[in-house]
Amino acid sequence: MAYLLVDIGNTFVKWGRYPPDGARGVPAAEICSSYGRVLHDELSSLTMMWKDQPRPDVIVISNVAGTRLRNPLLRAIEVWPDAPEPHWISSQAEQCGVTNGYLNPRQLGSDRWAALIGARALVGDRAALVAVCGTATTIDLLSADGEFVGGAIMPGLGLMQRVLHEQTAALPDSQGEYVDYPRQTVDAIAPGRAHAQAGAVERLYYQH
């Protein structure tokens, strides 16, 4: 069976095609046969990307961008007249060896839930800190017995940069270059963002 995995994030719609479970244990980047990403407003272009590809046997979708993108994505899937019914990931109280410790398990984002299940499959019965970096950065703790203990959400790299530019009078909307000790403003932004992200991961790692 061939899998089509779709991640509707806060900014992009990302997708990849993967072979069956026989490739388990091989890094995803090495087994993904094709992949791509589009902005939300470009979602209709998926039809052109997929029209020459064989029909997938299984379609799995994670969506954290709300219901407005659901129908456009379903229309794109119709490029295969006999496409299977997609499976929409939703957070559960327990699934695939992971127990959801959220006070309301359904409120946990489907992307975070999928990442926790993926981490459990990768590391087995070991504790893991799962960091996912996108428009937002999420850092979640998974205990050795498979319990999602809790986690944190913070602005991602791009969002940090945009907010600095939009909410200050003089900071440029430019990434600059990473250097250990910047001596110009444009280069001070890059390490500032990187240290904030890495520092949050390290702090939560040592906290637990």
C-alpha atoms as a PDB file:
ATOM      1  CA  MET A   1       0.000   0.000   0.000  1.00  0.00           C
ATOM      2  CA  ALA A   2       1.056   3.580  -0.657  1.00  0.00           C
ATOM      3  CA  TYR A   3       0.364   6.313   1.872  1.00  0.00           C
ATOM      4  CA  LEU A   4      -0.395   9.979   1.226  1.00  0.00           C
ATOM      5  CA  LEU A   5       0.209  12.016   4.382  1.00  0.00           C
ATOM      6  CA  VAL A   6      -1.043  15.613   4.508  1.00  0.00           C
ATOM      7  CA  ASP A   7      -0.247  18.196   7.188  1.00  0.00           C
ATOM      8  CA  ILE A   8      -2.395  21.334   7.110  1.00  0.00           C
ATOM      9  CA  GLY A   9      -0.423  23.706   9.307  1.00  0.00           C
ATOM     10  CA  ASN A  10      -0.911  27.333  10.254  1.00  0.00           C
ATOM     11  CA  THR A  11       0.866  28.610   7.130  1.00  0.00           C
ATOM     12  CA  PHE A  12       1.528  25.750   4.704  1.00  0.00           C
ATOM     13  CA  VAL A  13      -0.117  22.566   3.503  1.00  0.00           C
ATOM     14  CA  LYS A  14       2.642  19.926   3.387  1.00  0.00           C
ATOM     15  CA  TRP A  15       2.357  16.458   1.872  1.00  0.00           C
ATOM     16  CA  GLY A  16       4.424  13.383   1.218  1.00  0.00           C
ATOM     17  CA  ARG A  17       3.947   9.920  -0.275  1.00  0.00           C
ATOM     18  CA  TYR A  18       5.360   6.925   1.581  1.00  0.00           C
ATOM     19  CA  PRO A  19       5.643   3.175   0.977  1.00  0.00           C
ATOM     20  CA  PRO A  20       4.040   0.576   3.285  1.00  0.00           C
ATOM     21  CA  ASP A  21       5.166  -0.421   6.766  1.00  0.00           C
ATOM     22  CA  GLY A  22       8.004  -2.534   5.398  1.00  0.00           C
ATOM     23  CA  ALA A  23      10.170   0.580   5.391  1.00  0.00           C
ATOM     24  CA  ARG A  24       9.699   1.225   9.115  1.00  0.00           C
ATOM     25  CA  GLY A  25      12.923   2.233  10.832  1.00  0.00           C
ATOM     26  CA  VAL A  26      14.283   4.003   7.748  1.00  0.00           C
ATOM     27  CA  PRO A  27      14.477   7.824   8.040  1.00  0.00           C
ATOM     28  CA  ALA A  28      11.410   9.423   6.468  1.00  0.00           C
ATOM     29  CA  ALA A  29      13.520  11.602   4.177  1.00  0.00           C
ATOM     30  CA  GLU A  30      14.981   8.459   2.588  1.00  0.00           C
ATOM     31  CA  ILE A  31      11.687   6.708   1.853  1.00  0.00           C
ATOM     32  CA  CYS A  32       9.464   9.617   0.810  1.00  0.00           C
ATOM     33  CA  SER A  33       8.861   9.095  -2.910  1.00  0.00           C
ATOM     34  CA  SER A  34       7.480  12.588  -3.540  1.00  0.00           C
ATOM     35  CA  TYR A  35       6.547  15.579  -1.434  1.00  0.00           C
ATOM     36  CA  GLY A  36       5.691  19.253  -1.573  1.00  0.00           C
ATOM     37  CA  ARG A  37       4.156  22.206   0.201  1.00  0.00           C
ATOM     38  CA  VAL A  38       1.867  25.083  -0.733  1.00  0.00           C
ATOM     39  CA  LEU A  39       0.519  28.133   1.039  1.00  0.00           C
ATOM     40  CA  HIS A  40      -3.099  27.990   2.138  1.00  0.00           C
ATOM     41  CA  ASP A  41      -4.198  30.255  -0.724  1.00  0.00           C
ATOM     42  CA  GLU A  42      -2.440  27.972  -3.216  1.00  0.00           C
ATOM     43  CA  LEU A  43      -4.151  24.787  -2.079  1.00  0.00           C
ATOM     44  CA  SER A  44      -5.926  24.306  -5.419  1.00  0.00           C
ATOM     45  CA  SER A  45      -2.513  23.766  -7.054  1.00  0.00           C
ATOM     46  CA  LEU A  46      -2.323  20.367  -5.342  1.00  0.00           C
ATOM     47  CA  THR A  47      -4.505  19.005  -8.135  1.00  0.00           C
ATOM     48  CA  MET A  48      -1.750  19.721 -10.657  1.00  0.00           C
ATOM     49  CA  MET A  49       0.906  18.227  -8.361  1.00  0.00           C
ATOM     50  CA  TRP A  50      -1.069  15.022  -7.888  1.00  0.00           C
ATOM     51  CA  LYS A  51      -2.703  14.486 -11.282  1.00  0.00           C
ATOM     52  CA  ASP A  52       0.106  12.338 -12.711  1.00  0.00           C
ATOM     53  CA  GLN A  53       0.671  10.339  -9.529  1.00  0.00           C
ATOM     54  CA  PRO A  54      -0.915   6.951  -8.831  1.00  0.00           C
ATOM     55  CA  ARG A  55      -3.831   6.757  -6.463  1.00  0.00           C
ATOM     56  CA  PRO A  56      -2.723   6.294  -2.837  1.00  0.00           C
ATOM     57  CA  ASP A  57      -4.156   3.390  -0.889  1.00  0.00           C
ATOM     58  CA  VAL A  58      -4.349   5.321   2.373  1.00  0.00           C
ATOM     59  CA  ILE A  59      -4.740   9.075   2.971  1.00  0.00           C
ATOM     60  CA  VAL A  60      -4.044  10.493   6.429  1.00  0.00           C
ATOM     61  CA  ILE A  61      -4.588  14.192   7.211  1.00  0.00           C
ATOM     62  CA  SER A  62      -3.687  16.392  10.167  1.00  0.00           C
ATOM     63  CA  ASN A  63      -5.390  19.802  10.177  1.00  0.00           C
ATOM     64  CA  VAL A  64      -4.782  22.583  12.692  1.00  0.00           C
ATOM     65  CA  ALA A  65      -5.918  25.424  10.404  1.00  0.00           C
ATOM     66  CA  GLY A  66      -9.664  25.107  10.945  1.00  0.00           C
ATOM     67  CA  THR A  67     -12.523  23.886   8.802  1.00  0.00           C
ATOM     68  CA  ARG A  68     -12.182  26.357   5.897  1.00  0.00           C
ATOM     69  CA  LEU A  69      -9.438  24.277   4.245  1.00  0.00           C
ATOM     70  CA  ARG A  70     -11.225  20.959   4.587  1.00  0.00           C
ATOM     71  CA  ASN A  71     -13.402  21.177   1.462  1.00  0.00           C
ATOM     72  CA  PRO A  72     -10.670  22.594  -0.819  1.00  0.00           C
ATOM     73  CA  LEU A  73      -8.424  19.704   0.180  1.00  0.00           C
ATOM     74  CA  LEU A  74     -11.178  17.166  -0.436  1.00  0.00           C
ATOM     75  CA  ARG A  75     -11.652  18.653  -3.916  1.00  0.00           C
ATOM     76  CA  ALA A  76      -7.929  18.246  -4.596  1.00  0.00           C
ATOM     77  CA  ILE A  77      -8.136  14.584  -3.563  1.00  0.00           C
ATOM     78  CA  GLU A  78     -10.871  14.101  -6.163  1.00  0.00           C
ATOM     79  CA  VAL A  79      -8.101  14.098  -8.782  1.00  0.00           C
ATOM     80  CA  TRP A  80      -8.276  10.340  -8.106  1.00  0.00           C
ATOM     81  CA  PRO A  81     -11.904   9.328  -8.846  1.00  0.00           C
ATOM     82  CA  ASP A  82     -11.520   6.190  -6.729  1.00  0.00           C
ATOM     83  CA  ALA A  83      -9.543   7.780  -3.903  1.00  0.00           C
ATOM     84  CA  PRO A  84     -10.038   6.201  -0.472  1.00  0.00           C
ATOM     85  CA  GLU A  85     -11.877   8.062   2.258  1.00  0.00           C
ATOM     86  CA  PRO A  86      -9.233  10.116   4.101  1.00  0.00           C
ATOM     87  CA  HIS A  87      -8.518   9.535   7.769  1.00  0.00           C
ATOM     88  CA  TRP A  88      -8.523  12.815   9.717  1.00  0.00           C
ATOM     89  CA  ILE A  89      -6.285  12.669  12.776  1.00  0.00           C
ATOM     90  CA  SER A  90      -7.942  13.781  16.002  1.00  0.00           C
ATOM     91  CA  SER A  91      -6.498  13.608  19.471  1.00  0.00           C
ATOM     92  CA  GLN A  92      -7.736  10.723  21.585  1.00  0.00           C
ATOM     93  CA  ALA A  93      -7.530   9.841  25.263  1.00  0.00           C
ATOM     94  CA  GLU A  94      -5.312   6.892  24.309  1.00  0.00           C
ATOM     95  CA  GLN A  95      -3.978   5.615  20.993  1.00  0.00           C
ATOM     96  CA  CYS A  96      -1.032   3.592  19.681  1.00  0.00           C
ATOM     97  CA  GLY A  97       0.511   3.223  23.138  1.00  0.00           C
ATOM     98  CA  VAL A  98       0.284   6.946  23.993  1.00  0.00           C
ATOM     99  CA  THR A  99      -1.940   8.260  26.800  1.00  0.00           C
ATOM    100  CA  ASN A 100      -3.135  11.843  26.476  1.00  0.00           C
ATOM    101  CA  GLY A 101      -2.620  13.775  29.697  1.00  0.00           C
ATOM    102  CA  TYR A 102      -4.443  16.926  28.565  1.00  0.00           C
ATOM    103  CA  LEU A 103      -7.333  17.958  30.846  1.00  0.00           C
ATOM    104  CA  ASN A 104      -9.485  17.860  27.710  1.00  0.00           C
ATOM    105  CA  PRO A 105      -7.730  15.402  25.365  1.00  0.00           C
ATOM    106  CA  ARG A 106      -9.644  16.670  22.311  1.00  0.00           C
ATOM    107  CA  GLN A 107      -8.093  20.129  22.673  1.00  0.00           C
ATOM    108  CA  LEU A 108      -4.606  18.869  21.887  1.00  0.00           C
ATOM    109  CA  GLY A 109      -3.650  19.762  18.325  1.00  0.00           C
ATOM    110  CA  SER A 110      -3.707  16.881  15.867  1.00  0.00           C
ATOM    111  CA  ASP A 111      -0.159  17.709  14.745  1.00  0.00           C
ATOM    112  CA  ARG A 112       1.167  17.413  18.294  1.00  0.00           C
ATOM    113  CA  TRP A 113      -0.752  14.177  18.836  1.00  0.00           C
ATOM    114  CA  ALA A 114       0.639  12.687  15.625  1.00  0.00           C
ATOM    115  CA  ALA A 115       4.171  13.757  16.584  1.00  0.00           C
ATOM    116  CA  LEU A 116       3.848  12.103  19.999  1.00  0.00           C
ATOM    117  CA  ILE A 117       2.650   8.846  18.435  1.00  0.00           C
ATOM    118  CA  GLY A 118       5.472   9.027  15.906  1.00  0.00           C
ATOM    119  CA  ALA A 119       8.021   9.602  18.662  1.00  0.00           C
ATOM    120  CA  ARG A 120       6.698   6.605  20.597  1.00  0.00           C
ATOM    121  CA  ALA A 121       7.064   4.441  17.497  1.00  0.00           C
ATOM    122  CA  LEU A 122      10.632   5.668  16.982  1.00  0.00           C
ATOM    123  CA  VAL A 123      12.045   5.460  20.518  1.00  0.00           C
ATOM    124  CA  GLY A 124       9.880   2.737  22.072  1.00  0.00           C
ATOM    125  CA  ASP A 125       9.625   2.670  25.869  1.00  0.00           C
ATOM    126  CA  ARG A 126      11.964   5.589  26.460  1.00  0.00           C
ATOM    127  CA  ALA A 127      11.042   9.091  27.563  1.00  0.00           C
ATOM    128  CA  ALA A 128      11.177  11.702  24.817  1.00  0.00           C
ATOM    129  CA  LEU A 129      10.964  15.454  24.424  1.00  0.00           C
ATOM    130  CA  VAL A 130       9.195  16.122  21.131  1.00  0.00           C
ATOM    131  CA  ALA A 131       9.907  19.534  19.562  1.00  0.00           C
ATOM    132  CA  VAL A 132       8.101  20.553  16.369  1.00  0.00           C
ATOM    133  CA  CYS A 133       9.133  23.818  14.707  1.00  0.00           C
ATOM    134  CA  GLY A 134       6.681  25.584  12.411  1.00  0.00           C
ATOM    135  CA  THR A 135       4.753  28.848  12.600  1.00  0.00           C
ATOM    136  CA  ALA A 136       4.601  27.923  16.272  1.00  0.00           C
ATOM    137  CA  THR A 137       7.122  25.783  18.122  1.00  0.00           C
ATOM    138  CA  THR A 138       5.699  23.078  20.361  1.00  0.00           C
ATOM    139  CA  ILE A 139       7.710  21.184  22.970  1.00  0.00           C
ATOM    140  CA  ASP A 140       5.990  18.156  24.499  1.00  0.00           C
ATOM    141  CA  LEU A 141       7.128  15.590  27.050  1.00  0.00           C
ATOM    142  CA  LEU A 142       6.389  11.897  26.583  1.00  0.00           C
ATOM    143  CA  SER A 143       7.161   9.673  29.559  1.00  0.00           C
ATOM    144  CA  ALA A 144       8.792   6.248  29.339  1.00  0.00           C
ATOM    145  CA  ASP A 145       5.423   4.557  29.873  1.00  0.00           C
ATOM    146  CA  GLY A 146       3.862   6.478  26.985  1.00  0.00           C
ATOM    147  CA  GLU A 147       2.065   9.232  28.876  1.00  0.00           C
ATOM    148  CA  PHE A 148       1.918  12.708  27.342  1.00  0.00           C
ATOM    149  CA  VAL A 149       2.718  14.710  30.456  1.00  0.00           C
ATOM    150  CA  GLY A 150       2.213  18.184  28.967  1.00  0.00           C
ATOM    151  CA  GLY A 151       4.016  20.735  26.874  1.00  0.00           C
ATOM    152  CA  ALA A 152       4.598  24.309  25.807  1.00  0.00           C
ATOM    153  CA  ILE A 153       3.778  26.441  22.761  1.00  0.00           C
ATOM    154  CA  MET A 154       5.830  29.438  21.678  1.00  0.00           C
ATOM    155  CA  PRO A 155       6.203  31.591  18.556  1.00  0.00           C
ATOM    156  CA  GLY A 156       8.297  29.970  15.835  1.00  0.00           C
ATOM    157  CA  LEU A 157      11.372  31.452  14.180  1.00  0.00           C
ATOM    158  CA  GLY A 158       9.497  33.296  11.427  1.00  0.00           C
ATOM    159  CA  LEU A 159       6.832  34.624  13.773  1.00  0.00           C
ATOM    160  CA  MET A 160       9.471  35.931  16.168  1.00  0.00           C
ATOM    161  CA  GLN A 161      11.120  37.818  13.336  1.00  0.00           C
ATOM    162  CA  ARG A 162       7.872  39.325  12.030  1.00  0.00           C
ATOM    163  CA  VAL A 163       6.741  40.466  15.471  1.00  0.00           C
ATOM    164  CA  LEU A 164      10.099  42.137  16.131  1.00  0.00           C
ATOM    165  CA  HIS A 165       9.807  44.027  12.850  1.00  0.00           C
ATOM    166  CA  GLU A 166       6.136  44.957  13.206  1.00  0.00           C
ATOM    167  CA  GLN A 167       6.166  45.915  16.886  1.00  0.00           C
ATOM    168  CA  THR A 168       9.387  47.949  16.977  1.00  0.00           C
ATOM    169  CA  ALA A 169      10.388  51.152  15.252  1.00  0.00           C
ATOM    170  CA  ALA A 170      13.776  50.196  13.851  1.00  0.00           C
ATOM    171  CA  LEU A 171      14.361  46.447  13.742  1.00  0.00           C
ATOM    172  CA  PRO A 172      14.538  45.207  10.135  1.00  0.00           C
ATOM    173  CA  ASP A 173      12.529  42.379   8.611  1.00  0.00           C
ATOM    174  CA  SER A 174      15.683  40.470   7.769  1.00  0.00           C
ATOM    175  CA  GLN A 175      17.209  37.291   9.136  1.00  0.00           C
ATOM    176  CA  GLY A 176      20.809  38.454   8.920  1.00  0.00           C
ATOM    177  CA  GLU A 177      23.622  35.982   9.559  1.00  0.00           C
ATOM    178  CA  TYR A 178      24.139  33.819  12.628  1.00  0.00           C
ATOM    179  CA  VAL A 179      27.348  34.751  14.447  1.00  0.00           C
ATOM    180  CA  ASP A 180      28.222  34.061  18.064  1.00  0.00           C
ATOM    181  CA  TYR A 181      28.707  37.720  18.950  1.00  0.00           C
ATOM    182  CA  PRO A 182      26.867  39.956  16.461  1.00  0.00           C
ATOM    183  CA  ARG A 183      28.089  43.492  15.969  1.00  0.00           C
ATOM    184  CA  GLN A 184      25.253  44.798  13.838  1.00  0.00           C
ATOM    185  CA  THR A 185      21.511  44.806  14.452  1.00  0.00           C
ATOM    186  CA  VAL A 186      20.528  42.700  11.457  1.00  0.00           C
ATOM    187  CA  ASP A 187      22.826  39.895  12.605  1.00  0.00           C
ATOM    188  CA  ALA A 188      21.659  40.132  16.211  1.00  0.00           C
ATOM    189  CA  ILE A 189      18.164  38.917  15.269  1.00  0.00           C
ATOM    190  CA  ALA A 190      19.252  35.505  13.952  1.00  0.00           C
ATOM    191  CA  PRO A 191      21.060  34.314  17.096  1.00  0.00           C
ATOM    192  CA  GLY A 192      18.380  35.906  19.274  1.00  0.00           C
ATOM    193  CA  ARG A 193      15.697  33.752  17.658  1.00  0.00           C
ATOM    194  CA  ALA A 194      17.872  30.634  17.659  1.00  0.00           C
ATOM    195  CA  HIS A 195      18.856  31.022  21.322  1.00  0.00           C
ATOM    196  CA  ALA A 196      15.222  31.552  22.333  1.00  0.00           C
ATOM    197  CA  GLN A 197      14.142  28.349  20.582  1.00  0.00           C
ATOM    198  CA  ALA A 198      17.068  26.223  21.739  1.00  0.00           C
ATOM    199  CA  GLY A 199      16.901  27.678  25.237  1.00  0.00           C
ATOM    200  CA  ALA A 200      13.241  26.739  25.599  1.00  0.00           C
ATOM    201  CA  VAL A 201      13.959  23.158  24.512  1.00  0.00           C
ATOM    202  CA  GLU A 202      16.923  22.878  26.892  1.00  0.00           C
ATOM    203  CA  ARG A 203      14.987  24.367  29.800  1.00  0.00           C
ATOM    204  CA  LEU A 204      12.108  21.907  29.410  1.00  0.00           C
ATOM    205  CA  TYR A 205      14.564  19.038  28.939  1.00  0.00           C
ATOM    206  CA  TYR A 206      16.319  19.748  32.229  1.00  0.00           C
ATOM    207  CA  GLN A 207      13.068  20.604  34.000  1.00  0.00           C
ATOM    208  CA  HIS A 208      11.922  17.013  33.560  1.00  0.00           C
END
